[in-house]
Amino acid sequence: MILPTKHINFSQSLLGLGSYVLLQLQSPKSIDELWEKYEVDYENRIYLAKHSFDNLIMTLLFLYSIGSVLEKDGVIKKCV
């Protein structure tokens, strides 16, 4: 589920959710702010795939492990 397959499109994969998260991190945000923004975008059909909060956490862990985001004092920042 990290990568898209023939049965999972890009927006349904964690990699796709990761690209969405990185776009949202133009300014640092908390996990709650990221989740609230995702829920609004999903309801307004800006982001088409339904994800759980667990998927957001796994996506942030994935992005952290590849050095794309940092966390300090509960705030997530995109690495330059």
Protein backbone atom coordinates (compact mmCIF):
# COMPACT_ATOMS: atom_id res chain seq x y z
CA MET A 1 0.00 0.00 0.00
CA ILE A 2 3.00 2.33 0.16
CA LEU A 3 3.31 2.32 -3.62
CA PRO A 4 0.52 2.34 -6.19
CA THR A 5 -0.25 -0.93 -8.00
CA LYS A 6 -2.66 -1.91 -10.73
CA HIS A 7 -5.37 -2.21 -8.05
CA ILE A 8 -4.40 0.85 -5.97
CA ASN A 9 -4.10 4.22 -7.67
CA PHE A 10 -1.62 6.90 -6.63
CA SER A 11 -3.98 8.87 -4.39
CA GLN A 12 -4.91 5.71 -2.47
CA SER A 13 -1.27 4.85 -1.72
CA LEU A 14 0.77 6.19 1.17
CA LEU A 15 3.17 7.68 -1.36
CA GLY A 16 0.29 9.66 -2.86
CA LEU A 17 -0.86 10.79 0.58
CA GLY A 18 2.75 11.75 1.28
CA SER A 19 2.81 14.06 -1.74
CA TYR A 20 -0.41 15.67 -0.48
CA VAL A 21 1.09 16.11 3.02
CA LEU A 22 4.25 17.72 1.62
CA LEU A 23 2.11 20.20 -0.33
CA GLN A 24 0.29 21.11 2.89
CA LEU A 25 3.56 21.71 4.75
CA GLN A 26 4.36 25.05 3.09
CA SER A 27 4.24 26.23 6.69
CA PRO A 28 4.77 23.97 9.74
CA LYS A 29 1.63 22.26 11.04
CA SER A 30 0.60 19.92 13.83
CA ILE A 31 -0.71 16.45 13.05
CA ASP A 32 -4.19 17.60 14.04
CA GLU A 33 -4.02 20.52 11.58
CA LEU A 34 -2.91 18.17 8.79
CA TRP A 35 -5.76 15.77 9.56
CA GLU A 36 -8.37 18.53 9.70
CA LYS A 37 -7.15 19.95 6.36
CA TYR A 38 -7.24 16.48 4.80
CA GLU A 39 -10.82 15.87 6.02
CA VAL A 40 -11.97 19.21 4.57
CA ASP A 41 -10.21 18.52 1.24
CA TYR A 42 -11.70 15.02 1.10
CA GLU A 43 -15.22 16.27 1.77
CA ASN A 44 -14.81 19.01 -0.87
CA ARG A 45 -13.43 16.42 -3.34
CA ILE A 46 -10.05 18.14 -3.58
CA TYR A 47 -8.35 14.91 -2.48
CA LEU A 48 -10.26 11.92 -3.84
CA ALA A 49 -9.02 8.93 -1.81
CA LYS A 50 -10.31 8.10 1.67
CA HIS A 51 -7.58 7.50 4.26
CA SER A 52 -7.66 6.79 7.96
CA PHE A 53 -5.81 8.71 10.66
CA ASP A 54 -3.54 5.65 10.95
CA ASN A 55 -2.59 6.08 7.29
CA LEU A 56 -1.63 9.69 7.98
CA ILE A 57 0.60 8.57 10.85
CA MET A 58 2.21 5.86 8.67
CA THR A 59 2.73 8.43 5.91
CA LEU A 60 4.42 10.83 8.31
CA LEU A 61 6.61 7.99 9.57
CA PHE A 62 7.52 7.13 5.97
CA LEU A 63 8.32 10.78 5.17
CA TYR A 64 10.41 11.07 8.34
CA SER A 65 12.33 7.89 7.52
CA ILE A 66 13.34 9.22 4.10
CA GLY A 67 14.29 12.61 5.54
CA SER A 68 11.47 14.67 4.03
CA VAL A 69 9.94 15.95 7.28
CA LEU A 70 11.06 16.76 10.81
CA GLU A 71 9.09 16.95 14.04
CA LYS A 72 9.86 19.30 16.91
CA ASP A 73 7.57 20.15 19.83
CA GLY A 74 4.57 18.56 18.09
CA VAL A 75 5.01 20.53 14.88
CA ILE A 76 5.80 18.88 11.54
CA LYS A 77 8.12 20.76 9.17
CA LYS A 78 9.16 19.97 5.63
CA CYS A 79 12.93 19.55 5.20
CA VAL A 80 14.57 21.86 2.71
